[in-house]
């Protein structure tokens, strides 16, 4: 008899697919598979194996990851033996350090680094937009509860270490751990680096974030590159065609689904909804339709529109249509009148006098509001506000209209964003500070990635008059790069350019800790000991002059 069966670990069937009233951390079991729900925004899965467990995703924080690890170790009777990321979103990888003991392999899809680099390219934007959609600036009792997990709160602690995978999946692989056969399948969808985990002997599927209890985010309002919607459909089809058919499907968020028929039907409904939207948009593009026309024309069939897993409590149909359209053909809608569209300021300069001046526009706003046309009232308020951004009266009016719209909005992410903007306009709340990074946070990010991101971190105004060439030589790996700054434009090239005014010699670890994370002050003894500044043109520059030049450059770089 299998050791797990004799220990009783296979005898707790758990409860499948039943939404719980109110949030509460819990672990549910389905044979050797366990799922930690509502400890965090995302679920954490576990496969009990001989001698320990395999963890699928790791929560968003070290604290939560450690708490879940303790519970899993009690159930499995041993430590982590492997970590698998379904994808690179922070709510799935942030707690990895809690599970990654020395020698524990980390599996991910081969697109992991590229997907993560996009996030690192715009850290401030991702943080601000993510904070708004999650309601991070709102009191907890005002945060709209969505269907994907508990409210996501920011702790103010430094960002947890980003643990990079040690084993990469190209398309499909399988292996055994503790006598359990595990298959990994590349499954692009919500992200390009997504995968699903399949246990054929247990007929258990870990679907990750490619299916939700809500309409999918084919476009995410927090801002993402175009999502691979056609591949998303293919990935759902790959799960539908698994043989034998899955009897348990663990989701990346919310409750597990049980029953082969139920799982197949749900996957079919979900892929059909995505395919209907995708194919309708493509047909519309080919017919010369604009995105404005398509959002008025495209709808789901009634059986899909009313399905409980396709309610607009995560993504929205209109957002998906616009996202797919823009992903294929960009912002231009094909109408020559819109080749160079007016900015909102230009609209305001023309429209406000045409209506009769600001007071008449305010009258139109109040009339629209009294008639229940809140969206139109909000647009008019924005037209006025763009020309008078400091007007407290207009800011209050816009905040009131946002709150009215939020009251009737069924989409939690949009509701949170509206309420967040209303609070910010009133200056009653402020977005939380962006979590700090330290050397541990970025220790495993390849130095090439960090150097490659430097041009995008230049502040164009501060560096507008700066022309400078600086070399980087990493003494522990021999890697060399040159960073050129020309009138606010940055360029990174491999190797050391002979025209470099200063060369920085240090190790990769000290570069990350001192020069990127800023853990050491430039005038300190530790800085002098760990960072060597060299003038390759013959040492005309003194160390102090080189340090001043370096500090000037650092003031022009936006910190991650």
Protein backbone atom coordinates (compact mmCIF):
# COMPACT_ATOMS: atom_id res chain seq x y z
CA UNK A 1 0.00 0.00 0.00
CA UNK A 2 1.18 3.54 -0.77
CA UNK A 3 2.58 5.28 2.32
CA UNK A 4 0.20 8.19 1.80
CA UNK A 5 -2.85 5.93 1.72
CA UNK A 6 -1.81 4.15 4.91
CA UNK A 7 -1.29 7.51 6.63
CA UNK A 8 -4.85 8.60 5.92
CA UNK A 9 -3.85 11.49 3.67
CA UNK A 10 -6.02 10.16 0.84
CA UNK A 11 -9.22 9.94 2.86
CA UNK A 12 -10.29 13.59 3.17
CA UNK A 13 -12.48 14.40 0.15
CA UNK A 14 -12.98 18.06 1.01
CA UNK A 15 -15.76 20.15 -0.51
CA UNK A 16 -15.67 20.98 -4.20
CA UNK A 17 -16.83 24.11 -5.92
CA UNK A 18 -18.81 25.58 -3.05
CA UNK A 19 -18.28 29.34 -2.56
CA UNK A 20 -17.80 30.12 1.10
CA UNK A 21 -19.71 32.91 2.85
CA UNK A 22 -17.07 35.33 4.05
CA UNK A 23 -13.35 34.88 3.75
CA UNK A 24 -11.41 32.61 6.01
CA UNK A 25 -8.07 30.85 5.51
CA UNK A 26 -8.53 27.12 5.08
CA UNK A 27 -6.94 24.10 3.44
CA UNK A 28 -9.15 21.73 1.48
CA UNK A 29 -8.05 18.25 0.46
CA UNK A 30 -8.84 16.10 -2.55
CA UNK A 31 -6.87 12.91 -2.08
CA UNK A 32 -3.17 13.72 -2.08
CA UNK A 33 -3.92 17.19 -3.45
CA UNK A 34 -4.48 20.09 -1.05
CA UNK A 35 -5.38 23.70 -1.71
CA UNK A 36 -4.85 26.66 0.64
CA UNK A 37 -7.68 29.11 0.00
CA UNK A 38 -8.19 32.69 1.24
CA UNK A 39 -4.86 32.95 3.01
CA UNK A 40 -4.06 35.40 0.24
CA UNK A 41 -5.46 36.72 -3.03
CA UNK A 42 -4.31 33.59 -4.90
CA UNK A 43 -4.58 29.93 -3.96
CA UNK A 44 -1.56 27.81 -3.10
CA UNK A 45 -1.70 24.18 -4.21
CA UNK A 46 0.09 21.20 -2.73
CA UNK A 47 0.73 17.64 -3.84
CA UNK A 48 1.60 15.33 -0.96
CA UNK A 49 4.39 12.95 -2.00
CA UNK A 50 6.58 10.49 -0.19
CA UNK A 51 8.94 12.49 2.00
CA UNK A 52 7.23 15.87 1.66
CA UNK A 53 5.24 17.89 -0.86
CA UNK A 54 5.30 19.78 -4.14
CA UNK A 55 3.91 23.32 -3.97
CA UNK A 56 2.09 24.97 -6.87
CA UNK A 57 2.39 28.76 -6.56
CA UNK A 58 3.53 30.39 -3.33
CA UNK A 59 1.23 33.30 -2.31
CA UNK A 60 2.26 36.96 -2.46
CA UNK A 61 4.31 37.39 0.71
CA UNK A 62 6.87 35.59 2.82
CA UNK A 63 4.66 35.80 5.89
CA UNK A 64 1.75 34.08 4.16
CA UNK A 65 4.05 31.57 2.47
CA UNK A 66 5.54 30.56 5.83
CA UNK A 67 2.11 30.15 7.38
CA UNK A 68 0.96 27.91 4.53
CA UNK A 69 4.19 25.92 4.60
CA UNK A 70 3.64 25.05 8.27
CA UNK A 71 0.17 23.76 7.46
CA UNK A 72 1.36 21.77 4.46
CA UNK A 73 4.21 20.18 6.41
CA UNK A 74 1.75 18.98 9.06
CA UNK A 75 -0.37 17.37 6.37
CA UNK A 76 2.42 15.92 4.20
CA UNK A 77 4.84 15.00 6.97
CA UNK A 78 7.85 16.51 5.26
CA UNK A 79 9.41 19.61 3.64
CA UNK A 80 9.00 21.04 0.14
CA UNK A 81 10.54 18.88 -2.58
CA UNK A 82 9.77 21.12 -5.55
CA UNK A 83 8.13 24.44 -6.41
CA UNK A 84 6.07 25.02 -9.56
CA UNK A 85 4.98 28.46 -10.76
CA UNK A 86 1.85 28.47 -12.94
CA UNK A 87 2.91 31.98 -14.01
CA UNK A 88 4.91 35.02 -12.89
CA UNK A 89 2.26 37.26 -11.33
CA UNK A 90 3.39 38.53 -7.91
CA UNK A 91 0.44 37.01 -6.03
CA UNK A 92 1.71 33.60 -7.20
CA UNK A 93 5.49 33.92 -6.71
CA UNK A 94 5.97 36.45 -3.88
CA UNK A 95 6.13 33.84 -1.11
CA UNK A 96 8.59 31.54 -2.89
CA UNK A 97 11.41 32.13 -0.44
CA UNK A 98 9.32 30.43 2.24
CA UNK A 99 9.40 27.15 0.27
CA UNK A 100 12.72 27.26 -1.58
CA UNK A 101 15.09 25.35 0.67
CA UNK A 102 18.56 24.71 -0.69
CA UNK A 103 18.44 22.36 -3.64
CA UNK A 104 14.67 22.55 -4.13
CA UNK A 105 14.00 22.90 -7.87
CA UNK A 106 11.73 25.69 -9.14
CA UNK A 107 9.82 24.93 -12.32
CA UNK A 108 8.33 27.57 -14.63
CA UNK A 109 7.50 28.11 -18.27
CA UNK A 110 10.34 29.45 -20.44
CA UNK A 111 8.66 32.86 -20.87
CA UNK A 112 9.00 33.62 -17.14
CA UNK A 113 11.95 36.04 -17.36
CA UNK A 114 10.51 37.96 -20.30
CA UNK A 115 7.12 38.34 -18.65
CA UNK A 116 8.74 39.53 -15.44
CA UNK A 117 10.94 42.01 -17.30
CA UNK A 118 7.85 43.81 -18.63
CA UNK A 119 6.69 44.28 -15.04
CA UNK A 120 10.12 45.55 -14.03
CA UNK A 121 10.08 48.01 -16.93
CA UNK A 122 7.20 50.00 -15.41
CA UNK A 123 7.22 49.28 -11.67
CA UNK A 124 5.67 52.58 -10.59
CA UNK A 125 2.83 52.34 -13.11
CA UNK A 126 2.10 48.72 -12.25
CA UNK A 127 2.07 49.56 -8.55
CA UNK A 128 -0.17 52.64 -8.86
CA UNK A 129 -2.66 51.04 -11.22
CA UNK A 130 -2.70 47.79 -9.27
CA UNK A 131 -3.26 49.68 -6.02
CA UNK A 132 -6.26 51.48 -7.52
CA UNK A 133 -7.96 48.38 -8.90
CA UNK A 134 -7.46 46.54 -5.61
CA UNK A 135 -8.65 49.48 -3.49
CA UNK A 136 -5.38 49.69 -1.56
CA UNK A 137 -6.04 53.36 -0.72
CA UNK A 138 -9.52 52.63 0.64
CA UNK A 139 -10.64 51.62 4.13
CA UNK A 140 -11.16 47.86 4.15
CA UNK A 141 -14.93 48.16 4.55
CA UNK A 142 -15.10 50.18 1.31
CA UNK A 143 -13.10 47.73 -0.80
CA UNK A 144 -15.31 45.96 -3.32
CA UNK A 145 -15.16 42.22 -2.77
CA UNK A 146 -14.45 40.41 -6.01
CA UNK A 147 -14.76 36.78 -6.98
CA UNK A 148 -11.06 35.92 -7.13
CA UNK A 149 -10.06 36.04 -3.47
CA UNK A 150 -9.73 38.19 -0.36
CA UNK A 151 -8.89 41.90 -0.74
CA UNK A 152 -5.25 42.41 -1.67
CA UNK A 153 -3.55 44.59 0.94
CA UNK A 154 -0.06 46.08 0.89
CA UNK A 155 1.99 45.54 4.02
CA UNK A 156 4.58 48.30 3.58
CA UNK A 157 7.33 45.70 3.97
CA UNK A 158 10.13 45.45 1.38
CA UNK A 159 9.24 43.44 -1.67
CA UNK A 160 9.98 39.76 -1.12
CA UNK A 161 12.85 38.13 -3.01
CA UNK A 162 12.07 37.17 -6.59
CA UNK A 163 13.14 33.55 -6.85
CA UNK A 164 13.94 32.65 -10.45
CA UNK A 165 13.18 29.18 -11.81
CA UNK A 166 15.95 26.63 -11.93
CA UNK A 167 14.16 24.44 -14.50
CA UNK A 168 12.30 25.78 -17.54
CA UNK A 169 9.49 24.21 -19.54
CA UNK A 170 9.38 24.78 -23.30
CA UNK A 171 6.13 23.01 -24.22
CA UNK A 172 5.60 19.88 -22.14
CA UNK A 173 7.52 17.74 -19.68
CA UNK A 174 6.88 15.06 -17.08
CA UNK A 175 8.74 13.74 -14.08
CA UNK A 176 8.21 11.79 -10.89
CA UNK A 177 8.65 13.07 -7.34
CA UNK A 178 7.99 10.73 -4.43
CA UNK A 179 6.32 8.16 -6.70
CA UNK A 180 3.89 10.76 -8.10
CA UNK A 181 3.83 11.41 -11.85
CA UNK A 182 3.60 15.14 -12.65
CA UNK A 183 3.10 16.68 -16.08
CA UNK A 184 3.67 20.33 -16.94
CA UNK A 185 2.09 21.83 -20.08
CA UNK A 186 2.82 25.28 -21.48
CA UNK A 187 -0.53 27.08 -21.55
CA UNK A 188 -0.31 30.77 -22.55
CA UNK A 189 -3.40 32.72 -21.60
CA UNK A 190 -3.66 35.26 -18.82
CA UNK A 191 0.10 35.53 -19.25
CA UNK A 192 2.48 34.45 -21.99
CA UNK A 193 4.42 32.33 -19.46
CA UNK A 194 1.46 30.37 -18.12
CA UNK A 195 1.43 26.60 -17.62
CA UNK A 196 -0.91 24.02 -16.14
CA UNK A 197 -0.06 21.05 -13.93
CA UNK A 198 -1.61 17.66 -14.63
CA UNK A 199 -1.55 14.59 -12.38
CA UNK A 200 -2.81 11.82 -14.71
CA UNK A 201 -2.88 9.09 -12.07
CA UNK A 202 -4.91 11.27 -9.70
CA UNK A 203 -6.91 12.85 -12.57
CA UNK A 204 -6.24 16.23 -11.00
CA UNK A 205 -5.60 19.44 -12.92
CA UNK A 206 -4.10 22.69 -11.62
CA UNK A 207 -5.48 25.21 -14.13
CA UNK A 208 -3.83 28.34 -12.71
CA UNK A 209 -5.31 31.68 -13.78
CA UNK A 210 -6.60 30.61 -17.18
CA UNK A 211 -10.08 30.16 -15.72
CA UNK A 212 -11.84 32.22 -13.05
CA UNK A 213 -15.21 32.45 -11.38
CA UNK A 214 -15.82 35.54 -13.50
CA UNK A 215 -15.44 36.80 -17.07
CA UNK A 216 -11.71 36.63 -17.92
CA UNK A 217 -9.46 39.65 -18.07
CA UNK A 218 -8.68 39.42 -21.76
CA UNK A 219 -7.50 42.96 -21.16
CA UNK A 220 -6.54 44.09 -17.64
CA UNK A 221 -7.27 47.69 -16.64
CA UNK A 222 -4.14 47.77 -14.50
CA UNK A 223 -2.22 47.66 -17.76
CA UNK A 224 -0.63 44.69 -19.54
CA UNK A 225 0.76 44.02 -23.01
CA UNK A 226 -1.74 42.33 -25.36
CA UNK A 227 -2.68 38.95 -23.97
CA UNK A 228 -2.38 35.89 -26.27
CA UNK A 229 -6.13 35.31 -26.61
CA UNK A 230 -5.93 32.74 -29.42
CA UNK A 231 -3.41 30.73 -27.41
CA UNK A 232 -5.64 31.10 -24.35
CA UNK A 233 -8.38 29.27 -26.27
CA UNK A 234 -5.85 26.58 -27.29
CA UNK A 235 -4.76 26.18 -23.66
CA UNK A 236 -8.34 25.64 -22.49
CA UNK A 237 -8.81 23.11 -25.30
CA UNK A 238 -5.67 21.27 -24.18
CA UNK A 239 -7.17 20.94 -20.70
CA UNK A 240 -10.51 19.79 -22.15
CA UNK A 241 -8.76 17.05 -24.15
CA UNK A 242 -6.72 15.54 -21.34
CA UNK A 243 -7.08 11.76 -21.21
CA UNK A 244 -8.21 10.51 -18.78
CA UNK A 245 -10.53 13.46 -18.16
CA UNK A 246 -9.80 15.50 -15.01
CA UNK A 247 -12.03 14.78 -12.03
CA UNK A 248 -10.59 17.58 -9.87
CA UNK A 249 -9.64 21.03 -11.17
CA UNK A 250 -7.83 23.35 -8.77
CA UNK A 251 -8.04 27.00 -9.79
CA UNK A 252 -5.54 29.79 -9.17
CA UNK A 253 -8.31 31.67 -7.36
CA UNK A 254 -11.52 30.50 -5.63
CA UNK A 255 -12.91 27.05 -5.04
CA UNK A 256 -11.91 23.79 -6.68
CA UNK A 257 -14.23 22.18 -9.25
CA UNK A 258 -14.98 18.45 -9.02
CA UNK A 259 -16.54 15.99 -11.43
CA UNK A 260 -15.33 15.12 -14.93
CA UNK A 261 -18.55 16.24 -16.63
CA UNK A 262 -18.73 19.49 -14.68
CA UNK A 263 -15.09 20.33 -15.43
CA UNK A 264 -15.42 19.59 -19.15
CA UNK A 265 -18.61 21.64 -19.43
CA UNK A 266 -17.06 24.60 -17.59
CA UNK A 267 -13.90 24.56 -19.71
CA UNK A 268 -16.05 24.38 -22.84
CA UNK A 269 -18.25 27.30 -21.77
CA UNK A 270 -15.21 29.38 -20.86
CA UNK A 271 -13.36 28.74 -24.12
CA UNK A 272 -16.51 29.37 -26.13
CA UNK A 273 -17.00 32.76 -24.49
CA UNK A 274 -13.41 33.80 -25.23
CA UNK A 275 -13.62 32.44 -28.78
CA UNK A 276 -16.90 34.27 -29.42
CA UNK A 277 -15.39 37.60 -28.39
CA UNK A 278 -12.08 37.05 -30.17
CA UNK A 279 -13.57 35.85 -33.44
CA UNK A 280 -16.22 38.60 -33.43
CA UNK A 281 -13.56 41.28 -33.01
CA UNK A 282 -11.41 39.78 -35.78
CA UNK A 283 -14.45 39.63 -38.08
CA UNK A 284 -15.23 43.25 -37.21
CA UNK A 285 -11.67 44.36 -37.99
CA UNK A 286 -11.84 42.63 -41.35
CA UNK A 287 -15.19 44.33 -42.03
CA UNK A 288 -13.67 47.75 -41.27
CA UNK A 289 -15.56 48.27 -38.02
CA UNK A 290 -14.21 50.59 -35.33
CA UNK A 291 -13.82 49.57 -31.68
CA UNK A 292 -16.62 51.98 -30.73
CA UNK A 293 -18.90 50.20 -33.17
CA UNK A 294 -17.84 46.76 -31.98
CA UNK A 295 -18.57 47.42 -28.29
CA UNK A 296 -22.11 48.29 -29.32
CA UNK A 297 -22.51 45.28 -31.61
CA UNK A 298 -20.79 42.31 -29.96
CA UNK A 299 -22.53 40.33 -27.25
CA UNK A 300 -22.46 36.81 -25.86
CA UNK A 301 -25.26 34.33 -26.51
CA UNK A 302 -27.74 34.24 -23.66
CA UNK A 303 -26.56 30.90 -22.23
CA UNK A 304 -23.01 32.28 -21.96
CA UNK A 305 -24.07 35.74 -20.85
CA UNK A 306 -26.00 34.27 -17.91
CA UNK A 307 -23.44 31.64 -16.91
CA UNK A 308 -22.23 32.14 -13.29
CA UNK A 309 -18.56 31.84 -14.32
CA UNK A 310 -18.92 34.53 -16.99
CA UNK A 311 -20.36 37.38 -14.95
CA UNK A 312 -18.35 40.61 -15.26
CA UNK A 313 -16.85 40.38 -11.81
CA UNK A 314 -13.26 40.24 -13.04
CA UNK A 315 -12.94 41.24 -16.69
CA UNK A 316 -15.57 42.95 -18.85
CA UNK A 317 -16.87 42.27 -22.34
CA UNK A 318 -16.38 45.87 -23.52
CA UNK A 319 -12.84 45.95 -22.14
CA UNK A 320 -12.06 42.63 -23.84
CA UNK A 321 -13.31 43.91 -27.20
CA UNK A 322 -11.17 47.05 -27.03
CA UNK A 323 -8.15 45.11 -25.75
CA UNK A 324 -8.27 42.52 -28.54
CA UNK A 325 -8.82 45.22 -31.18
CA UNK A 326 -5.85 47.26 -29.96
CA UNK A 327 -3.70 44.13 -29.64
CA UNK A 328 -4.18 43.34 -33.31
CA UNK A 329 -4.29 46.73 -35.06
CA UNK A 330 -3.35 49.32 -32.43
CA UNK A 331 -5.07 52.55 -31.41
CA UNK A 332 -6.07 53.80 -34.89
CA UNK A 333 -9.65 52.82 -35.74
CA UNK A 334 -9.31 53.11 -39.51
CA UNK A 335 -11.25 56.38 -39.86
CA UNK A 336 -9.08 59.09 -41.45
CA UNK A 337 -10.78 61.69 -39.24
CA UNK A 338 -9.07 60.04 -36.27
CA UNK A 339 -5.53 59.87 -37.63
CA UNK A 340 -4.52 62.70 -35.29
CA UNK A 341 -7.21 62.76 -32.61
CA UNK A 342 -7.86 65.79 -30.44
CA UNK A 343 -6.50 65.73 -26.92
CA UNK A 344 -9.02 66.34 -24.16
CA UNK A 345 -7.49 69.79 -23.59
CA UNK A 346 -8.09 70.65 -27.24
CA UNK A 347 -11.67 69.41 -26.96
CA UNK A 348 -12.19 71.55 -23.88
CA UNK A 349 -10.84 74.68 -25.57
CA UNK A 350 -13.35 74.24 -28.41
CA UNK A 351 -16.34 72.76 -26.59
CA UNK A 352 -16.62 74.87 -23.43
CA UNK A 353 -17.06 78.20 -25.28
CA UNK A 354 -19.45 76.49 -27.71
CA UNK A 355 -21.70 75.45 -24.81
CA UNK A 356 -21.54 78.94 -23.35
CA UNK A 357 -18.66 78.88 -20.88
CA UNK A 358 -17.81 76.96 -17.70
CA UNK A 359 -20.99 77.90 -15.81
CA UNK A 360 -23.18 76.62 -18.63
CA UNK A 361 -21.19 73.40 -18.71
CA UNK A 362 -21.74 73.01 -14.97
CA UNK A 363 -25.44 73.44 -15.64
CA UNK A 364 -25.26 70.67 -18.24
CA UNK A 365 -23.45 68.45 -15.75
CA UNK A 366 -26.14 68.97 -13.12
CA UNK A 367 -28.91 68.38 -15.68
CA UNK A 368 -27.33 65.14 -16.85
CA UNK A 369 -26.84 64.02 -13.28
CA UNK A 370 -30.47 64.72 -12.36
CA UNK A 371 -31.57 62.65 -15.37
CA UNK A 372 -29.40 59.73 -14.25
CA UNK A 373 -26.92 60.12 -17.11
CA UNK A 374 -23.95 59.98 -14.75
CA UNK A 375 -21.39 58.82 -17.33
CA UNK A 376 -22.11 61.85 -19.54
CA UNK A 377 -22.01 64.17 -16.52
CA UNK A 378 -18.63 62.69 -15.57
CA UNK A 379 -17.24 63.23 -19.08
CA UNK A 380 -18.32 66.87 -19.04
CA UNK A 381 -16.78 67.33 -15.61
CA UNK A 382 -13.52 65.91 -16.90
CA UNK A 383 -13.62 68.32 -19.87
CA UNK A 384 -13.85 71.24 -17.44
CA UNK A 385 -11.33 69.83 -14.99
CA UNK A 386 -8.63 69.32 -17.59
CA UNK A 387 -8.54 73.10 -18.07
CA UNK A 388 -8.82 73.87 -14.33
CA UNK A 389 -7.01 70.98 -12.61
CA UNK A 390 -6.66 72.82 -9.28
CA UNK A 391 -10.36 73.69 -8.96
CA UNK A 392 -11.58 72.18 -5.70
CA UNK A 393 -15.18 72.61 -6.78
CA UNK A 394 -14.65 70.60 -9.96
CA UNK A 395 -12.56 68.00 -8.14
CA UNK A 396 -15.38 67.50 -5.62
CA UNK A 397 -17.94 67.24 -8.41
CA UNK A 398 -15.90 64.64 -10.27
CA UNK A 399 -15.46 62.69 -7.02
CA UNK A 400 -19.23 62.74 -6.40
CA UNK A 401 -19.93 61.47 -9.90
CA UNK A 402 -17.35 58.71 -9.58
CA UNK A 403 -18.95 57.58 -6.34
CA UNK A 404 -22.38 57.51 -7.99
CA UNK A 405 -21.04 55.41 -10.84
CA UNK A 406 -19.24 53.10 -8.40
CA UNK A 407 -22.44 52.48 -6.45
CA UNK A 408 -24.05 50.86 -9.50
CA UNK A 409 -20.92 49.23 -10.96
CA UNK A 410 -20.93 45.43 -10.75
CA UNK A 411 -17.25 45.01 -11.63
CA UNK A 412 -15.20 45.11 -8.39
CA UNK A 413 -11.97 46.25 -10.06
CA UNK A 414 -13.67 49.17 -11.78
CA UNK A 415 -15.62 50.00 -8.61
CA UNK A 416 -12.40 50.11 -6.56
CA UNK A 417 -10.72 52.31 -9.17
CA UNK A 418 -13.62 54.78 -9.18
CA UNK A 419 -13.68 54.97 -5.39
CA UNK A 420 -9.89 55.30 -5.23
CA UNK A 421 -9.87 58.21 -7.68
CA UNK A 422 -12.73 59.85 -5.77
CA UNK A 423 -10.79 59.64 -2.50
CA UNK A 424 -7.64 60.97 -4.15
CA UNK A 425 -9.55 63.90 -5.68
CA UNK A 426 -10.88 64.80 -2.23
CA UNK A 427 -7.41 64.26 -0.72
CA UNK A 428 -8.98 62.11 1.97
CA UNK A 429 -6.80 59.13 1.13
CA UNK A 430 -3.41 58.66 -0.51
CA UNK A 431 -2.02 55.68 -2.30
CA UNK A 432 0.28 53.63 -0.06
CA UNK A 433 3.99 53.99 -0.55
CA UNK A 434 5.46 51.72 -3.17
CA UNK A 435 7.08 48.71 -1.45
CA UNK A 436 10.82 49.13 -1.14
CA UNK A 437 13.25 46.86 -2.90
CA UNK A 438 16.48 45.69 -1.37
CA UNK A 439 19.36 43.55 -2.50
CA UNK A 440 17.51 40.37 -1.57
CA UNK A 441 14.51 41.38 -3.68
CA UNK A 442 16.51 41.49 -6.91
CA UNK A 443 19.36 39.10 -6.06
CA UNK A 444 18.29 36.53 -8.67
CA UNK A 445 17.32 38.93 -11.45
CA UNK A 446 19.98 38.62 -14.17
CA UNK A 447 22.30 41.62 -14.19
CA UNK A 448 21.75 41.90 -17.96
CA UNK A 449 18.07 42.59 -17.27
CA UNK A 450 18.80 45.30 -14.73
CA UNK A 451 21.31 47.00 -17.01
CA UNK A 452 18.98 46.75 -19.99
CA UNK A 453 16.26 48.54 -18.03
CA UNK A 454 18.46 51.56 -17.24
CA UNK A 455 17.56 53.68 -20.31
CA UNK A 456 13.85 53.44 -19.49
CA UNK A 457 14.58 54.69 -15.97
CA UNK A 458 16.13 57.97 -17.14
CA UNK A 459 14.11 61.01 -16.15
CA UNK A 460 13.87 62.86 -19.49
CA UNK A 461 13.72 66.33 -17.95
CA UNK A 462 16.50 65.90 -15.42
CA UNK A 463 18.81 64.30 -17.95
CA UNK A 464 17.91 66.58 -20.88
CA UNK A 465 21.26 68.39 -20.76
CA UNK A 466 23.33 65.42 -19.67
CA UNK A 467 25.77 63.70 -21.99
CA UNK A 468 27.80 61.03 -20.27
CA UNK A 469 29.33 57.62 -20.90
CA UNK A 470 29.79 55.19 -18.04
CA UNK A 471 31.12 51.65 -18.12
CA UNK A 472 30.26 48.73 -15.85
CA UNK A 473 32.69 45.88 -15.27
CA UNK A 474 31.62 43.00 -13.04
CA UNK A 475 34.70 41.55 -11.46
CA UNK A 476 33.14 38.22 -10.44
CA UNK A 477 31.69 37.28 -13.85
CA UNK A 478 33.73 39.34 -16.31
CA UNK A 479 30.60 40.87 -17.88
CA UNK A 480 30.99 44.40 -19.26
CA UNK A 481 28.51 47.01 -20.42
CA UNK A 482 28.55 50.67 -21.41
CA UNK A 483 25.72 53.08 -20.64
CA UNK A 484 25.52 56.10 -22.95
CA UNK A 485 23.43 59.15 -22.03
CA UNK A 486 22.86 61.67 -24.80
CA UNK A 487 20.52 64.59 -24.04
CA UNK A 488 18.08 62.51 -22.03
CA UNK A 489 18.31 59.40 -24.22
CA UNK A 490 19.91 56.25 -22.86
CA UNK A 491 21.60 53.38 -24.64
CA UNK A 492 23.19 50.21 -23.27
CA UNK A 493 25.82 48.38 -25.32
CA UNK A 494 27.80 45.22 -24.55
CA UNK A 495 31.48 45.63 -23.74
CA UNK A 496 33.44 48.64 -22.51
CA UNK A 497 33.59 51.63 -24.83
CA UNK A 498 36.98 53.34 -24.97
CA UNK A 499 35.26 56.73 -24.60
CA UNK A 500 33.82 55.88 -21.17
CA UNK A 501 34.53 58.71 -18.75
CA UNK A 502 34.12 56.47 -15.72
CA UNK A 503 34.19 52.70 -15.32
CA UNK A 504 32.50 51.16 -12.29
CA UNK A 505 34.10 47.93 -11.12
CA UNK A 506 32.16 45.84 -8.66
CA UNK A 507 30.53 42.44 -8.26
CA UNK A 508 27.07 41.67 -9.57
CA UNK A 509 25.72 41.29 -6.03
CA UNK A 510 27.15 44.65 -4.93
CA UNK A 511 25.83 46.32 -8.09
CA UNK A 512 22.33 45.12 -7.24
CA UNK A 513 22.56 45.91 -3.55
CA UNK A 514 24.44 49.23 -3.69
CA UNK A 515 23.81 50.82 -7.08
CA UNK A 516 20.31 49.54 -7.87
CA UNK A 517 18.68 49.10 -4.46
CA UNK A 518 20.66 51.97 -2.93
CA UNK A 519 21.41 50.20 0.36
CA UNK A 520 24.80 51.91 0.78
CA UNK A 521 25.44 55.66 0.75
CA UNK A 522 27.91 56.84 -1.95
CA UNK A 523 30.17 58.67 0.51
CA UNK A 524 30.41 55.77 2.96
CA UNK A 525 33.47 53.65 3.65
CA UNK A 526 31.61 50.53 2.50
CA UNK A 527 30.87 52.16 -0.86
CA UNK A 528 34.56 53.01 -1.33
CA UNK A 529 35.52 49.46 -0.41
CA UNK A 530 33.04 47.67 -2.67
CA UNK A 531 32.73 50.02 -5.66
CA UNK A 532 35.84 50.99 -7.59
CA UNK A 533 35.66 54.05 -9.83
CA UNK A 534 38.21 54.14 -12.65
CA UNK A 535 38.95 56.88 -15.20
CA UNK A 536 40.15 54.88 -18.24
CA UNK A 537 41.34 57.99 -20.09
CA UNK A 538 44.32 58.31 -17.82
CA UNK A 539 42.95 59.31 -14.45
CA UNK A 540 42.46 63.01 -15.09
CA UNK A 541 39.30 62.91 -13.06
CA UNK A 542 39.80 62.60 -9.35
CA UNK A 543 37.71 60.05 -7.45
CA UNK A 544 35.68 62.90 -5.97
CA UNK A 545 34.86 64.28 -9.44
CA UNK A 546 33.92 60.82 -10.66
CA UNK A 547 31.71 60.33 -7.62
CA UNK A 548 29.98 63.65 -8.23
CA UNK A 549 29.36 62.70 -11.85
CA UNK A 550 27.97 59.36 -10.75
CA UNK A 551 25.67 61.00 -8.19
CA UNK A 552 24.44 63.44 -10.84
CA UNK A 553 23.59 60.51 -13.07
CA UNK A 554 21.83 58.70 -10.22
CA UNK A 555 19.63 61.76 -9.63
CA UNK A 556 18.49 61.43 -13.24
CA UNK A 557 17.47 57.78 -12.82
CA UNK A 558 14.08 56.85 -11.40
CA UNK A 559 14.58 54.22 -8.72
CA UNK A 560 12.70 50.92 -9.19
